[in-house]
Amino acid sequence: MVVLFNNLSSEEVESYALVLASAGIAHQTRKGPFGWELIVETEAFETAFDTIREYLLENRKDVLAPE
């Protein structure tokens, strides 16, 4: 098992865990010293990372530059 992300808020770890569960990727969460950690099997790291990246890209909020 390896840490996929750390220092997450409770809202972030819940969202990411749901994304991984929906994709069928086994994971664990645990409270770390500076926030929540999301943990996956070593073999699933790359797939899990790409899955979360896609989720973030699809759900990002574009910020307009001040004029």
C-alpha atoms as a PDB file:
ATOM      1  CA  MET A   1       0.000   0.000   0.000  1.00  0.00           C
ATOM      2  CA  VAL A   2       1.192   3.519  -0.824  1.00  0.00           C
ATOM      3  CA  VAL A   3      -0.095   6.999  -0.054  1.00  0.00           C
ATOM      4  CA  LEU A   4      -1.754   8.449  -3.138  1.00  0.00           C
ATOM      5  CA  PHE A   5      -2.511  11.853  -1.566  1.00  0.00           C
ATOM      6  CA  ASN A   6      -1.949  13.307   1.873  1.00  0.00           C
ATOM      7  CA  ASN A   7      -2.828  16.463   3.780  1.00  0.00           C
ATOM      8  CA  LEU A   8      -6.397  16.284   2.452  1.00  0.00           C
ATOM      9  CA  SER A   9      -9.423  17.840   4.100  1.00  0.00           C
ATOM     10  CA  SER A  10     -12.231  15.535   5.174  1.00  0.00           C
ATOM     11  CA  GLU A  11     -14.319  16.761   2.213  1.00  0.00           C
ATOM     12  CA  GLU A  12     -11.514  16.039  -0.267  1.00  0.00           C
ATOM     13  CA  VAL A  13     -10.810  12.545   1.040  1.00  0.00           C
ATOM     14  CA  GLU A  14     -14.531  11.686   1.003  1.00  0.00           C
ATOM     15  CA  SER A  15     -14.879  12.887  -2.593  1.00  0.00           C
ATOM     16  CA  TYR A  16     -11.739  11.133  -3.807  1.00  0.00           C
ATOM     17  CA  ALA A  17     -12.694   7.918  -2.012  1.00  0.00           C
ATOM     18  CA  LEU A  18     -16.078   7.982  -3.734  1.00  0.00           C
ATOM     19  CA  VAL A  19     -14.404   8.512  -7.118  1.00  0.00           C
ATOM     20  CA  LEU A  20     -12.072   5.557  -6.546  1.00  0.00           C
ATOM     21  CA  ALA A  21     -14.900   3.350  -5.260  1.00  0.00           C
ATOM     22  CA  SER A  22     -16.975   4.199  -8.342  1.00  0.00           C
ATOM     23  CA  ALA A  23     -14.034   3.182 -10.530  1.00  0.00           C
ATOM     24  CA  GLY A  24     -13.632  -0.084  -8.619  1.00  0.00           C
ATOM     25  CA  ILE A  25     -10.237   0.877  -7.179  1.00  0.00           C
ATOM     26  CA  ALA A  26      -9.575  -0.478  -3.681  1.00  0.00           C
ATOM     27  CA  HIS A  27      -8.392   2.164  -1.246  1.00  0.00           C
ATOM     28  CA  GLN A  28      -8.151   3.137   2.390  1.00  0.00           C
ATOM     29  CA  THR A  29      -8.303   6.447   4.195  1.00  0.00           C
ATOM     30  CA  ARG A  30      -6.660   7.401   7.446  1.00  0.00           C
ATOM     31  CA  LYS A  31      -6.105  10.513   9.494  1.00  0.00           C
ATOM     32  CA  GLY A  32      -2.502  11.623   9.206  1.00  0.00           C
ATOM     33  CA  PRO A  33      -0.603  14.199  11.254  1.00  0.00           C
ATOM     34  CA  PHE A  34      -1.518  17.036   8.871  1.00  0.00           C
ATOM     35  CA  GLY A  35      -4.831  15.891   7.406  1.00  0.00           C
ATOM     36  CA  TRP A  36      -6.314  12.850   5.735  1.00  0.00           C
ATOM     37  CA  GLU A  37      -4.387  10.338   3.619  1.00  0.00           C
ATOM     38  CA  LEU A  38      -5.718   8.327   0.695  1.00  0.00           C
ATOM     39  CA  ILE A  39      -3.963   4.993   0.290  1.00  0.00           C
ATOM     40  CA  VAL A  40      -4.038   2.503  -2.603  1.00  0.00           C
ATOM     41  CA  GLU A  41      -2.299  -0.714  -3.599  1.00  0.00           C
ATOM     42  CA  THR A  42       1.081  -0.078  -5.218  1.00  0.00           C
ATOM     43  CA  GLU A  43      -0.079  -1.679  -8.483  1.00  0.00           C
ATOM     44  CA  ALA A  44      -3.118   0.644  -8.609  1.00  0.00           C
ATOM     45  CA  PHE A  45      -1.231   3.882  -7.951  1.00  0.00           C
ATOM     46  CA  GLU A  46      -1.012   5.092 -11.535  1.00  0.00           C
ATOM     47  CA  THR A  47      -4.615   4.208 -12.383  1.00  0.00           C
ATOM     48  CA  ALA A  48      -5.879   5.773  -9.162  1.00  0.00           C
ATOM     49  CA  PHE A  49      -3.859   8.947  -9.752  1.00  0.00           C
ATOM     50  CA  ASP A  50      -5.158   9.260 -13.320  1.00  0.00           C
ATOM     51  CA  THR A  51      -8.729   8.650 -12.145  1.00  0.00           C
ATOM     52  CA  ILE A  52      -8.515  11.444  -9.558  1.00  0.00           C
ATOM     53  CA  ARG A  53      -6.811  13.749 -12.086  1.00  0.00           C
ATOM     54  CA  GLU A  54      -9.644  13.204 -14.564  1.00  0.00           C
ATOM     55  CA  TYR A  55     -12.203  13.869 -11.825  1.00  0.00           C
ATOM     56  CA  LEU A  56     -10.483  17.133 -10.915  1.00  0.00           C
ATOM     57  CA  LEU A  57     -10.251  18.256 -14.541  1.00  0.00           C
ATOM     58  CA  GLU A  58     -13.932  17.503 -15.138  1.00  0.00           C
ATOM     59  CA  ASN A  59     -15.006  19.316 -11.985  1.00  0.00           C
ATOM     60  CA  ARG A  60     -12.638  22.250 -11.861  1.00  0.00           C
ATOM     61  CA  LYS A  61     -13.989  25.721 -11.422  1.00  0.00           C
ATOM     62  CA  ASP A  62     -12.425  28.072 -13.918  1.00  0.00           C
ATOM     63  CA  VAL A  63     -11.227  31.294 -12.373  1.00  0.00           C
ATOM     64  CA  LEU A  64     -11.366  34.354 -14.529  1.00  0.00           C
ATOM     65  CA  ALA A  65      -8.384  36.683 -14.420  1.00  0.00           C
ATOM     66  CA  PRO A  66      -9.190  40.178 -13.203  1.00  0.00           C
ATOM     67  CA  GLU A  67      -9.487  42.713 -15.984  1.00  0.00           C
END
